[in-house]
Amino acid sequence: GNELEAVTKDQLNTGLTGQIRFRASERNL
């Protein structure tokens, strides 16, 4: 859970790090 892998357009493996913020939607429970 520390690094997310993805492949770029020129076939290079990369490691992505970051955060996301989320919450439950009161309008679509």
mmCIF file of all heavy atoms, coordinates in Angstrom:
data_MODEL
# 
_entry.id   MODEL 
# 
loop_
_atom_site.group_PDB 
_atom_site.id 
_atom_site.type_symbol 
_atom_site.label_atom_id 
_atom_site.label_alt_id 
_atom_site.label_comp_id 
_atom_site.label_asym_id 
_atom_site.label_entity_id 
_atom_site.label_seq_id 
_atom_site.pdbx_PDB_ins_code 
_atom_site.Cartn_x 
_atom_site.Cartn_y 
_atom_site.Cartn_z 
_atom_site.occupancy 
_atom_site.B_iso_or_equiv 
_atom_site.pdbx_formal_charge 
_atom_site.auth_seq_id 
_atom_site.auth_comp_id 
_atom_site.auth_asym_id 
_atom_site.auth_atom_id 
_atom_site.pdbx_PDB_model_num 
ATOM 1   N N   . GLY A 1 1  ? 0.784   -1.227 0.000   1.00 0.00 ? 1  GLY A N   1 
ATOM 2   C CA  . GLY A 1 1  ? 0.000   0.000  0.000   1.00 0.00 ? 1  GLY A CA  1 
ATOM 3   C C   . GLY A 1 1  ? 0.816   1.276  0.000   1.00 0.00 ? 1  GLY A C   1 
ATOM 4   O O   . GLY A 1 1  ? 0.280   2.333  0.366   1.00 0.00 ? 1  GLY A O   1 
ATOM 5   N N   . ASN A 1 2  ? 2.054   1.232  -0.435  1.00 0.00 ? 2  ASN A N   1 
ATOM 6   C CA  . ASN A 1 2  ? 2.916   2.414  -0.413  1.00 0.00 ? 2  ASN A CA  1 
ATOM 7   C C   . ASN A 1 2  ? 3.131   3.032  -1.786  1.00 0.00 ? 2  ASN A C   1 
ATOM 8   O O   . ASN A 1 2  ? 3.405   4.233  -1.886  1.00 0.00 ? 2  ASN A O   1 
ATOM 9   C CB  . ASN A 1 2  ? 4.280   2.071  0.196   1.00 0.00 ? 2  ASN A CB  1 
ATOM 10  C CG  . ASN A 1 2  ? 4.177   1.681  1.652   1.00 0.00 ? 2  ASN A CG  1 
ATOM 11  O OD1 . ASN A 1 2  ? 3.434   2.298  2.412   1.00 0.00 ? 2  ASN A OD1 1 
ATOM 12  N ND2 . ASN A 1 2  ? 4.899   0.643  2.054   1.00 0.00 ? 2  ASN A ND2 1 
ATOM 13  N N   . GLU A 1 3  ? 3.026   2.225  -2.836  1.00 0.00 ? 3  GLU A N   1 
ATOM 14  C CA  . GLU A 1 3  ? 3.328   2.737  -4.171  1.00 0.00 ? 3  GLU A CA  1 
ATOM 15  C C   . GLU A 1 3  ? 2.470   2.012  -5.197  1.00 0.00 ? 3  GLU A C   1 
ATOM 16  O O   . GLU A 1 3  ? 2.398   0.792  -5.203  1.00 0.00 ? 3  GLU A O   1 
ATOM 17  C CB  . GLU A 1 3  ? 4.811   2.557  -4.488  1.00 0.00 ? 3  GLU A CB  1 
ATOM 18  C CG  . GLU A 1 3  ? 5.261   3.243  -5.758  1.00 0.00 ? 3  GLU A CG  1 
ATOM 19  C CD  . GLU A 1 3  ? 6.754   3.087  -5.973  1.00 0.00 ? 3  GLU A CD  1 
ATOM 20  O OE1 . GLU A 1 3  ? 7.185   1.963  -6.281  1.00 0.00 ? 3  GLU A OE1 1 
ATOM 21  O OE2 . GLU A 1 3  ? 7.482   4.086  -5.812  1.00 0.00 ? 3  GLU A OE2 1 
ATOM 22  N N   . LEU A 1 4  ? 1.830   2.774  -6.060  1.00 0.00 ? 4  LEU A N   1 
ATOM 23  C CA  . LEU A 1 4  ? 0.977   2.225  -7.104  1.00 0.00 ? 4  LEU A CA  1 
ATOM 24  C C   . LEU A 1 4  ? 1.742   2.188  -8.418  1.00 0.00 ? 4  LEU A C   1 
ATOM 25  O O   . LEU A 1 4  ? 2.337   3.196  -8.823  1.00 0.00 ? 4  LEU A O   1 
ATOM 26  C CB  . LEU A 1 4  ? -0.284  3.077  -7.261  1.00 0.00 ? 4  LEU A CB  1 
ATOM 27  C CG  . LEU A 1 4  ? -1.287  2.638  -8.332  1.00 0.00 ? 4  LEU A CG  1 
ATOM 28  C CD1 . LEU A 1 4  ? -1.916  1.295  -7.960  1.00 0.00 ? 4  LEU A CD1 1 
ATOM 29  C CD2 . LEU A 1 4  ? -2.371  3.691  -8.517  1.00 0.00 ? 4  LEU A CD2 1 
ATOM 30  N N   . GLU A 1 5  ? 1.736   1.045  -9.078  1.00 0.00 ? 5  GLU A N   1 
ATOM 31  C CA  . GLU A 1 5  ? 2.470   0.900  -10.329 1.00 0.00 ? 5  GLU A CA  1 
ATOM 32  C C   . GLU A 1 5  ? 1.567   1.197  -11.521 1.00 0.00 ? 5  GLU A C   1 
ATOM 33  O O   . GLU A 1 5  ? 0.372   0.876  -11.518 1.00 0.00 ? 5  GLU A O   1 
ATOM 34  C CB  . GLU A 1 5  ? 3.048   -0.510 -10.456 1.00 0.00 ? 5  GLU A CB  1 
ATOM 35  C CG  . GLU A 1 5  ? 4.149   -0.821 -9.453  1.00 0.00 ? 5  GLU A CG  1 
ATOM 36  C CD  . GLU A 1 5  ? 4.787   -2.172 -9.694  1.00 0.00 ? 5  GLU A CD  1 
ATOM 37  O OE1 . GLU A 1 5  ? 4.271   -2.915 -10.569 1.00 0.00 ? 5  GLU A OE1 1 
ATOM 38  O OE2 . GLU A 1 5  ? 5.786   -2.487 -9.033  1.00 0.00 ? 5  GLU A OE2 1 
ATOM 39  N N   . ALA A 1 6  ? 2.170   1.799  -12.549 1.00 0.00 ? 6  ALA A N   1 
ATOM 40  C CA  . ALA A 1 6  ? 1.462   2.096  -13.793 1.00 0.00 ? 6  ALA A CA  1 
ATOM 41  C C   . ALA A 1 6  ? 2.484   2.098  -14.928 1.00 0.00 ? 6  ALA A C   1 
ATOM 42  O O   . ALA A 1 6  ? 3.689   2.246  -14.701 1.00 0.00 ? 6  ALA A O   1 
ATOM 43  C CB  . ALA A 1 6  ? 0.747   3.435  -13.714 1.00 0.00 ? 6  ALA A CB  1 
ATOM 44  N N   . VAL A 1 7  ? 1.998   1.926  -16.151 1.00 0.00 ? 7  VAL A N   1 
ATOM 45  C CA  . VAL A 1 7  ? 2.858   1.871  -17.340 1.00 0.00 ? 7  VAL A CA  1 
ATOM 46  C C   . VAL A 1 7  ? 2.586   3.102  -18.187 1.00 0.00 ? 7  VAL A C   1 
ATOM 47  O O   . VAL A 1 7  ? 1.430   3.424  -18.482 1.00 0.00 ? 7  VAL A O   1 
ATOM 48  C CB  . VAL A 1 7  ? 2.595   0.586  -18.157 1.00 0.00 ? 7  VAL A CB  1 
ATOM 49  C CG1 . VAL A 1 7  ? 3.503   0.534  -19.375 1.00 0.00 ? 7  VAL A CG1 1 
ATOM 50  C CG2 . VAL A 1 7  ? 2.809   -0.649 -17.287 1.00 0.00 ? 7  VAL A CG2 1 
ATOM 51  N N   . THR A 1 8  ? 3.650   3.800  -18.581 1.00 0.00 ? 8  THR A N   1 
ATOM 52  C CA  . THR A 1 8  ? 3.516   5.011  -19.373 1.00 0.00 ? 8  THR A CA  1 
ATOM 53  C C   . THR A 1 8  ? 3.363   4.675  -20.855 1.00 0.00 ? 8  THR A C   1 
ATOM 54  O O   . THR A 1 8  ? 3.422   3.520  -21.263 1.00 0.00 ? 8  THR A O   1 
ATOM 55  C CB  . THR A 1 8  ? 4.737   5.915  -19.168 1.00 0.00 ? 8  THR A CB  1 
ATOM 56  O OG1 . THR A 1 8  ? 5.909   5.212  -19.621 1.00 0.00 ? 8  THR A OG1 1 
ATOM 57  C CG2 . THR A 1 8  ? 4.902   6.275  -17.707 1.00 0.00 ? 8  THR A CG2 1 
ATOM 58  N N   . LYS A 1 9  ? 3.220   5.716  -21.643 1.00 0.00 ? 9  LYS A N   1 
ATOM 59  C CA  . LYS A 1 9  ? 3.008   5.544  -23.079 1.00 0.00 ? 9  LYS A CA  1 
ATOM 60  C C   . LYS A 1 9  ? 4.201   4.912  -23.763 1.00 0.00 ? 9  LYS A C   1 
ATOM 61  O O   . LYS A 1 9  ? 4.033   4.172  -24.748 1.00 0.00 ? 9  LYS A O   1 
ATOM 62  C CB  . LYS A 1 9  ? 2.689   6.907  -23.700 1.00 0.00 ? 9  LYS A CB  1 
ATOM 63  C CG  . LYS A 1 9  ? 2.284   6.842  -25.153 1.00 0.00 ? 9  LYS A CG  1 
ATOM 64  C CD  . LYS A 1 9  ? 1.907   8.217  -25.665 1.00 0.00 ? 9  LYS A CD  1 
ATOM 65  C CE  . LYS A 1 9  ? 1.476   8.151  -27.121 1.00 0.00 ? 9  LYS A CE  1 
ATOM 66  N NZ  . LYS A 1 9  ? 1.114   9.493  -27.635 1.00 0.00 ? 9  LYS A NZ  1 
ATOM 67  N N   . ASP A 1 10 ? 5.411   5.197  -23.268 1.00 0.00 ? 10 ASP A N   1 
ATOM 68  C CA  . ASP A 1 10 ? 6.609   4.607  -23.868 1.00 0.00 ? 10 ASP A CA  1 
ATOM 69  C C   . ASP A 1 10 ? 7.058   3.351  -23.128 1.00 0.00 ? 10 ASP A C   1 
ATOM 70  O O   . ASP A 1 10 ? 8.258   3.052  -23.084 1.00 0.00 ? 10 ASP A O   1 
ATOM 71  C CB  . ASP A 1 10 ? 7.743   5.625  -23.925 1.00 0.00 ? 10 ASP A CB  1 
ATOM 72  C CG  . ASP A 1 10 ? 7.945   6.317  -22.582 1.00 0.00 ? 10 ASP A CG  1 
ATOM 73  O OD1 . ASP A 1 10 ? 7.311   5.895  -21.595 1.00 0.00 ? 10 ASP A OD1 1 
ATOM 74  O OD2 . ASP A 1 10 ? 8.730   7.269  -22.518 1.00 0.00 ? 10 ASP A OD2 1 
ATOM 75  N N   . GLN A 1 11 ? 6.100   2.628  -22.521 1.00 0.00 ? 11 GLN A N   1 
ATOM 76  C CA  . GLN A 1 11 ? 6.331   1.315  -21.894 1.00 0.00 ? 11 GLN A CA  1 
ATOM 77  C C   . GLN A 1 11 ? 7.341   1.383  -20.744 1.00 0.00 ? 11 GLN A C   1 
ATOM 78  O O   . GLN A 1 11 ? 8.188   0.508  -20.593 1.00 0.00 ? 11 GLN A O   1 
ATOM 79  C CB  . GLN A 1 11 ? 6.824   0.306  -22.949 1.00 0.00 ? 11 GLN A CB  1 
ATOM 80  C CG  . GLN A 1 11 ? 5.918   0.170  -24.152 1.00 0.00 ? 11 GLN A CG  1 
ATOM 81  C CD  . GLN A 1 11 ? 4.501   -0.251 -23.755 1.00 0.00 ? 11 GLN A CD  1 
ATOM 82  O OE1 . GLN A 1 11 ? 4.324   -1.150 -22.946 1.00 0.00 ? 11 GLN A OE1 1 
ATOM 83  N NE2 . GLN A 1 11 ? 3.502   0.388  -24.337 1.00 0.00 ? 11 GLN A NE2 1 
ATOM 84  N N   . LEU A 1 12 ? 7.244   2.418  -19.946 1.00 0.00 ? 12 LEU A N   1 
ATOM 85  C CA  . LEU A 1 12 ? 8.120   2.571  -18.786 1.00 0.00 ? 12 LEU A CA  1 
ATOM 86  C C   . LEU A 1 12 ? 7.291   2.404  -17.519 1.00 0.00 ? 12 LEU A C   1 
ATOM 87  O O   . LEU A 1 12 ? 6.287   3.095  -17.326 1.00 0.00 ? 12 LEU A O   1 
ATOM 88  C CB  . LEU A 1 12 ? 8.786   3.946  -18.794 1.00 0.00 ? 12 LEU A CB  1 
ATOM 89  C CG  . LEU A 1 12 ? 9.739   4.243  -17.627 1.00 0.00 ? 12 LEU A CG  1 
ATOM 90  C CD1 . LEU A 1 12 ? 10.939  3.307  -17.679 1.00 0.00 ? 12 LEU A CD1 1 
ATOM 91  C CD2 . LEU A 1 12 ? 10.179  5.694  -17.657 1.00 0.00 ? 12 LEU A CD2 1 
ATOM 92  N N   . ASN A 1 13 ? 7.699   1.461  -16.665 1.00 0.00 ? 13 ASN A N   1 
ATOM 93  C CA  . ASN A 1 13 ? 7.006   1.248  -15.396 1.00 0.00 ? 13 ASN A CA  1 
ATOM 94  C C   . ASN A 1 13 ? 7.322   2.394  -14.441 1.00 0.00 ? 13 ASN A C   1 
ATOM 95  O O   . ASN A 1 13 ? 8.475   2.787  -14.277 1.00 0.00 ? 13 ASN A O   1 
ATOM 96  C CB  . ASN A 1 13 ? 7.436   -0.081 -14.773 1.00 0.00 ? 13 ASN A CB  1 
ATOM 97  C CG  . ASN A 1 13 ? 6.935   -1.272 -15.559 1.00 0.00 ? 13 ASN A CG  1 
ATOM 98  O OD1 . ASN A 1 13 ? 5.884   -1.221 -16.184 1.00 0.00 ? 13 ASN A OD1 1 
ATOM 99  N ND2 . ASN A 1 13 ? 7.700   -2.347 -15.552 1.00 0.00 ? 13 ASN A ND2 1 
ATOM 100 N N   . THR A 1 14 ? 6.298   2.915  -13.823 1.00 0.00 ? 14 THR A N   1 
ATOM 101 C CA  . THR A 1 14 ? 6.467   4.017  -12.888 1.00 0.00 ? 14 THR A CA  1 
ATOM 102 C C   . THR A 1 14 ? 5.788   3.684  -11.573 1.00 0.00 ? 14 THR A C   1 
ATOM 103 O O   . THR A 1 14 ? 4.844   2.888  -11.522 1.00 0.00 ? 14 THR A O   1 
ATOM 104 C CB  . THR A 1 14 ? 5.859   5.325  -13.437 1.00 0.00 ? 14 THR A CB  1 
ATOM 105 O OG1 . THR A 1 14 ? 4.457   5.115  -13.668 1.00 0.00 ? 14 THR A OG1 1 
ATOM 106 C CG2 . THR A 1 14 ? 6.524   5.721  -14.723 1.00 0.00 ? 14 THR A CG2 1 
ATOM 107 N N   . GLY A 1 15 ? 6.254   4.304  -10.511 1.00 0.00 ? 15 GLY A N   1 
ATOM 108 C CA  . GLY A 1 15 ? 5.641   4.177  -9.195  1.00 0.00 ? 15 GLY A CA  1 
ATOM 109 C C   . GLY A 1 15 ? 4.980   5.486  -8.814  1.00 0.00 ? 15 GLY A C   1 
ATOM 110 O O   . GLY A 1 15 ? 5.607   6.545  -8.848  1.00 0.00 ? 15 GLY A O   1 
ATOM 111 N N   . LEU A 1 16 ? 3.694   5.442  -8.460  1.00 0.00 ? 16 LEU A N   1 
ATOM 112 C CA  . LEU A 1 16 ? 2.921   6.635  -8.134  1.00 0.00 ? 16 LEU A CA  1 
ATOM 113 C C   . LEU A 1 16 ? 2.631   6.670  -6.642  1.00 0.00 ? 16 LEU A C   1 
ATOM 114 O O   . LEU A 1 16 ? 2.278   5.655  -6.039  1.00 0.00 ? 16 LEU A O   1 
ATOM 115 C CB  . LEU A 1 16 ? 1.599   6.649  -8.910  1.00 0.00 ? 16 LEU A CB  1 
ATOM 116 C CG  . LEU A 1 16 ? 1.699   6.478  -10.427 1.00 0.00 ? 16 LEU A CG  1 
ATOM 117 C CD1 . LEU A 1 16 ? 0.313   6.353  -11.028 1.00 0.00 ? 16 LEU A CD1 1 
ATOM 118 C CD2 . LEU A 1 16 ? 2.441   7.644  -11.044 1.00 0.00 ? 16 LEU A CD2 1 
ATOM 119 N N   . THR A 1 17 ? 2.785   7.823  -6.058  1.00 0.00 ? 17 THR A N   1 
ATOM 120 C CA  . THR A 1 17 ? 2.452   8.023  -4.652  1.00 0.00 ? 17 THR A CA  1 
ATOM 121 C C   . THR A 1 17 ? 1.535   9.228  -4.530  1.00 0.00 ? 17 THR A C   1 
ATOM 122 O O   . THR A 1 17 ? 1.611   10.170 -5.328  1.00 0.00 ? 17 THR A O   1 
ATOM 123 C CB  . THR A 1 17 ? 3.720   8.254  -3.808  1.00 0.00 ? 17 THR A CB  1 
ATOM 124 O OG1 . THR A 1 17 ? 4.458   9.362  -4.353  1.00 0.00 ? 17 THR A OG1 1 
ATOM 125 C CG2 . THR A 1 17 ? 4.603   7.015  -3.800  1.00 0.00 ? 17 THR A CG2 1 
ATOM 126 N N   . GLY A 1 18 ? 0.680   9.199  -3.523  1.00 0.00 ? 18 GLY A N   1 
ATOM 127 C CA  . GLY A 1 18 ? -0.254  10.299 -3.309  1.00 0.00 ? 18 GLY A CA  1 
ATOM 128 C C   . GLY A 1 18 ? -1.395  9.880  -2.408  1.00 0.00 ? 18 GLY A C   1 
ATOM 129 O O   . GLY A 1 18 ? -1.414  8.769  -1.865  1.00 0.00 ? 18 GLY A O   1 
ATOM 130 N N   . GLN A 1 19 ? -2.349  10.762 -2.255  1.00 0.00 ? 19 GLN A N   1 
ATOM 131 C CA  . GLN A 1 19 ? -3.508  10.512 -1.398  1.00 0.00 ? 19 GLN A CA  1 
ATOM 132 C C   . GLN A 1 19 ? -4.790  10.896 -2.126  1.00 0.00 ? 19 GLN A C   1 
ATOM 133 O O   . GLN A 1 19 ? -4.769  11.688 -3.072  1.00 0.00 ? 19 GLN A O   1 
ATOM 134 C CB  . GLN A 1 19 ? -3.420  11.316 -0.090  1.00 0.00 ? 19 GLN A CB  1 
ATOM 135 C CG  . GLN A 1 19 ? -2.222  11.014 0.791   1.00 0.00 ? 19 GLN A CG  1 
ATOM 136 C CD  . GLN A 1 19 ? -0.986  11.764 0.361   1.00 0.00 ? 19 GLN A CD  1 
ATOM 137 O OE1 . GLN A 1 19 ? -1.087  12.890 -0.122  1.00 0.00 ? 19 GLN A OE1 1 
ATOM 138 N NE2 . GLN A 1 19 ? 0.178   11.149 0.529   1.00 0.00 ? 19 GLN A NE2 1 
ATOM 139 N N   . ILE A 1 20 ? -5.883  10.330 -1.680  1.00 0.00 ? 20 ILE A N   1 
ATOM 140 C CA  . ILE A 1 20 ? -7.201  10.716 -2.152  1.00 0.00 ? 20 ILE A CA  1 
ATOM 141 C C   . ILE A 1 20 ? -8.094  10.959 -0.942  1.00 0.00 ? 20 ILE A C   1 
ATOM 142 O O   . ILE A 1 20 ? -7.954  10.305 0.092   1.00 0.00 ? 20 ILE A O   1 
ATOM 143 C CB  . ILE A 1 20 ? -7.830  9.659  -3.092  1.00 0.00 ? 20 ILE A CB  1 
ATOM 144 C CG1 . ILE A 1 20 ? -7.994  8.324  -2.371  1.00 0.00 ? 20 ILE A CG1 1 
ATOM 145 C CG2 . ILE A 1 20 ? -7.017  9.498  -4.353  1.00 0.00 ? 20 ILE A CG2 1 
ATOM 146 C CD1 . ILE A 1 20 ? -8.745  7.299  -3.204  1.00 0.00 ? 20 ILE A CD1 1 
ATOM 147 N N   . ARG A 1 21 ? -9.003  11.912 -1.082  1.00 0.00 ? 21 ARG A N   1 
ATOM 148 C CA  . ARG A 1 21 ? -9.981  12.208 -0.037  1.00 0.00 ? 21 ARG A CA  1 
ATOM 149 C C   . ARG A 1 21 ? -11.360 11.831 -0.548  1.00 0.00 ? 21 ARG A C   1 
ATOM 150 O O   . ARG A 1 21 ? -11.719 12.174 -1.679  1.00 0.00 ? 21 ARG A O   1 
ATOM 151 C CB  . ARG A 1 21 ? -9.938  13.690 0.346   1.00 0.00 ? 21 ARG A CB  1 
ATOM 152 C CG  . ARG A 1 21 ? -8.629  14.120 0.962   1.00 0.00 ? 21 ARG A CG  1 
ATOM 153 C CD  . ARG A 1 21 ? -8.800  15.419 1.744   1.00 0.00 ? 21 ARG A CD  1 
ATOM 154 N NE  . ARG A 1 21 ? -9.333  16.492 0.907   1.00 0.00 ? 21 ARG A NE  1 
ATOM 155 C CZ  . ARG A 1 21 ? -8.580  17.360 0.258   1.00 0.00 ? 21 ARG A CZ  1 
ATOM 156 N NH1 . ARG A 1 21 ? -7.268  17.273 0.324   1.00 0.00 ? 21 ARG A NH1 1 
ATOM 157 N NH2 . ARG A 1 21 ? -9.137  18.313 -0.459  1.00 0.00 ? 21 ARG A NH2 1 
ATOM 158 N N   . PHE A 1 22 ? -12.136 11.175 0.292   1.00 0.00 ? 22 PHE A N   1 
ATOM 159 C CA  . PHE A 1 22 ? -13.457 10.718 -0.116  1.00 0.00 ? 22 PHE A CA  1 
ATOM 160 C C   . PHE A 1 22 ? -14.398 10.772 1.072   1.00 0.00 ? 22 PHE A C   1 
ATOM 161 O O   . PHE A 1 22 ? -13.981 10.869 2.234   1.00 0.00 ? 22 PHE A O   1 
ATOM 162 C CB  . PHE A 1 22 ? -13.383 9.283  -0.668  1.00 0.00 ? 22 PHE A CB  1 
ATOM 163 C CG  . PHE A 1 22 ? -12.997 8.258  0.358   1.00 0.00 ? 22 PHE A CG  1 
ATOM 164 C CD1 . PHE A 1 22 ? -13.971 7.557  1.071   1.00 0.00 ? 22 PHE A CD1 1 
ATOM 165 C CD2 . PHE A 1 22 ? -11.663 7.997  0.634   1.00 0.00 ? 22 PHE A CD2 1 
ATOM 166 C CE1 . PHE A 1 22 ? -13.616 6.626  2.024   1.00 0.00 ? 22 PHE A CE1 1 
ATOM 167 C CE2 . PHE A 1 22 ? -11.306 7.069  1.584   1.00 0.00 ? 22 PHE A CE2 1 
ATOM 168 C CZ  . PHE A 1 22 ? -12.281 6.380  2.274   1.00 0.00 ? 22 PHE A CZ  1 
ATOM 169 N N   . ARG A 1 23 ? -15.690 10.680 0.762   1.00 0.00 ? 23 ARG A N   1 
ATOM 170 C CA  . ARG A 1 23 ? -16.729 10.638 1.786   1.00 0.00 ? 23 ARG A CA  1 
ATOM 171 C C   . ARG A 1 23 ? -17.998 10.066 1.169   1.00 0.00 ? 23 ARG A C   1 
ATOM 172 O O   . ARG A 1 23 ? -18.147 10.033 -0.070  1.00 0.00 ? 23 ARG A O   1 
ATOM 173 C CB  . ARG A 1 23 ? -17.012 12.027 2.349   1.00 0.00 ? 23 ARG A CB  1 
ATOM 174 C CG  . ARG A 1 23 ? -17.445 13.045 1.301   1.00 0.00 ? 23 ARG A CG  1 
ATOM 175 C CD  . ARG A 1 23 ? -17.689 14.409 1.900   1.00 0.00 ? 23 ARG A CD  1 
ATOM 176 N NE  . ARG A 1 23 ? -17.929 15.408 0.879   1.00 0.00 ? 23 ARG A NE  1 
ATOM 177 C CZ  . ARG A 1 23 ? -19.114 15.645 0.312   1.00 0.00 ? 23 ARG A CZ  1 
ATOM 178 N NH1 . ARG A 1 23 ? -20.178 14.925 0.700   1.00 0.00 ? 23 ARG A NH1 1 
ATOM 179 N NH2 . ARG A 1 23 ? -19.250 16.559 -0.628  1.00 0.00 ? 23 ARG A NH2 1 
ATOM 180 N N   . ALA A 1 24 ? -18.888 9.611  2.023   1.00 0.00 ? 24 ALA A N   1 
ATOM 181 C CA  . ALA A 1 24 ? -20.173 9.100  1.548   1.00 0.00 ? 24 ALA A CA  1 
ATOM 182 C C   . ALA A 1 24 ? -21.040 10.260 1.066   1.00 0.00 ? 24 ALA A C   1 
ATOM 183 O O   . ALA A 1 24 ? -21.016 11.347 1.641   1.00 0.00 ? 24 ALA A O   1 
ATOM 184 C CB  . ALA A 1 24 ? -20.881 8.331  2.656   1.00 0.00 ? 24 ALA A CB  1 
ATOM 185 N N   . SER A 1 25 ? -21.806 10.016 0.010   1.00 0.00 ? 25 SER A N   1 
ATOM 186 C CA  . SER A 1 25 ? -22.646 11.059 -0.568  1.00 0.00 ? 25 SER A CA  1 
ATOM 187 C C   . SER A 1 25 ? -24.010 11.075 0.115   1.00 0.00 ? 25 SER A C   1 
ATOM 188 O O   . SER A 1 25 ? -24.742 10.082 0.084   1.00 0.00 ? 25 SER A O   1 
ATOM 189 C CB  . SER A 1 25 ? -22.821 10.830 -2.072  1.00 0.00 ? 25 SER A CB  1 
ATOM 190 O OG  . SER A 1 25 ? -23.773 11.721 -2.613  1.00 0.00 ? 25 SER A OG  1 
ATOM 191 N N   . GLU A 1 26 ? -24.347 12.189 0.719   1.00 0.00 ? 26 GLU A N   1 
ATOM 192 C CA  . GLU A 1 26 ? -25.657 12.331 1.362   1.00 0.00 ? 26 GLU A CA  1 
ATOM 193 C C   . GLU A 1 26 ? -26.784 12.328 0.340   1.00 0.00 ? 26 GLU A C   1 
ATOM 194 O O   . GLU A 1 26 ? -27.914 11.968 0.649   1.00 0.00 ? 26 GLU A O   1 
ATOM 195 C CB  . GLU A 1 26 ? -25.676 13.631 2.168   1.00 0.00 ? 26 GLU A CB  1 
ATOM 196 C CG  . GLU A 1 26 ? -26.957 13.876 2.942   1.00 0.00 ? 26 GLU A CG  1 
ATOM 197 C CD  . GLU A 1 26 ? -26.909 15.166 3.728   1.00 0.00 ? 26 GLU A CD  1 
ATOM 198 O OE1 . GLU A 1 26 ? -25.839 15.792 3.789   1.00 0.00 ? 26 GLU A OE1 1 
ATOM 199 O OE2 . GLU A 1 26 ? -27.957 15.540 4.288   1.00 0.00 ? 26 GLU A OE2 1 
ATOM 200 N N   . ARG A 1 27 ? -26.478 12.687 -0.910  1.00 0.00 ? 27 ARG A N   1 
ATOM 201 C CA  . ARG A 1 27 ? -27.505 12.788 -1.942  1.00 0.00 ? 27 ARG A CA  1 
ATOM 202 C C   . ARG A 1 27 ? -27.756 11.467 -2.651  1.00 0.00 ? 27 ARG A C   1 
ATOM 203 O O   . ARG A 1 27 ? -28.674 11.363 -3.454  1.00 0.00 ? 27 ARG A O   1 
ATOM 204 C CB  . ARG A 1 27 ? -27.088 13.860 -2.955  1.00 0.00 ? 27 ARG A CB  1 
ATOM 205 C CG  . ARG A 1 27 ? -26.885 15.214 -2.302  1.00 0.00 ? 27 ARG A CG  1 
ATOM 206 C CD  . ARG A 1 27 ? -26.092 16.167 -3.161  1.00 0.00 ? 27 ARG A CD  1 
ATOM 207 N NE  . ARG A 1 27 ? -26.793 16.548 -4.370  1.00 0.00 ? 27 ARG A NE  1 
ATOM 208 C CZ  . ARG A 1 27 ? -26.323 17.437 -5.251  1.00 0.00 ? 27 ARG A CZ  1 
ATOM 209 N NH1 . ARG A 1 27 ? -25.149 17.990 -5.056  1.00 0.00 ? 27 ARG A NH1 1 
ATOM 210 N NH2 . ARG A 1 27 ? -27.025 17.726 -6.316  1.00 0.00 ? 27 ARG A NH2 1 
ATOM 211 N N   . ASN A 1 28 ? -26.931 10.465 -2.393  1.00 0.00 ? 28 ASN A N   1 
ATOM 212 C CA  . ASN A 1 28 ? -27.109 9.165  -3.051  1.00 0.00 ? 28 ASN A CA  1 
ATOM 213 C C   . ASN A 1 28 ? -26.786 8.043  -2.067  1.00 0.00 ? 28 ASN A C   1 
ATOM 214 O O   . ASN A 1 28 ? -25.956 7.174  -2.338  1.00 0.00 ? 28 ASN A O   1 
ATOM 215 C CB  . ASN A 1 28 ? -26.216 9.070  -4.296  1.00 0.00 ? 28 ASN A CB  1 
ATOM 216 C CG  . ASN A 1 28 ? -26.597 7.901  -5.192  1.00 0.00 ? 28 ASN A CG  1 
ATOM 217 O OD1 . ASN A 1 28 ? -27.672 7.303  -5.048  1.00 0.00 ? 28 ASN A OD1 1 
ATOM 218 N ND2 . ASN A 1 28 ? -25.723 7.560  -6.112  1.00 0.00 ? 28 ASN A ND2 1 
ATOM 219 N N   . LEU A 1 29 ? -27.457 8.053  -0.925  1.00 0.00 ? 29 LEU A N   1 
ATOM 220 C CA  . LEU A 1 29 ? -27.208 7.034  0.091   1.00 0.00 ? 29 LEU A CA  1 
ATOM 221 C C   . LEU A 1 29 ? -27.744 5.670  -0.317  1.00 0.00 ? 29 LEU A C   1 
ATOM 222 O O   . LEU A 1 29 ? -27.295 4.649  0.206   1.00 0.00 ? 29 LEU A O   1 
ATOM 223 C CB  . LEU A 1 29 ? -27.841 7.465  1.419   1.00 0.00 ? 29 LEU A CB  1 
ATOM 224 C CG  . LEU A 1 29 ? -27.091 8.551  2.187   1.00 0.00 ? 29 LEU A CG  1 
ATOM 225 C CD1 . LEU A 1 29 ? -27.818 8.883  3.479   1.00 0.00 ? 29 LEU A CD1 1 
ATOM 226 C CD2 . LEU A 1 29 ? -25.666 8.130  2.474   1.00 0.00 ? 29 LEU A CD2 1 
# 
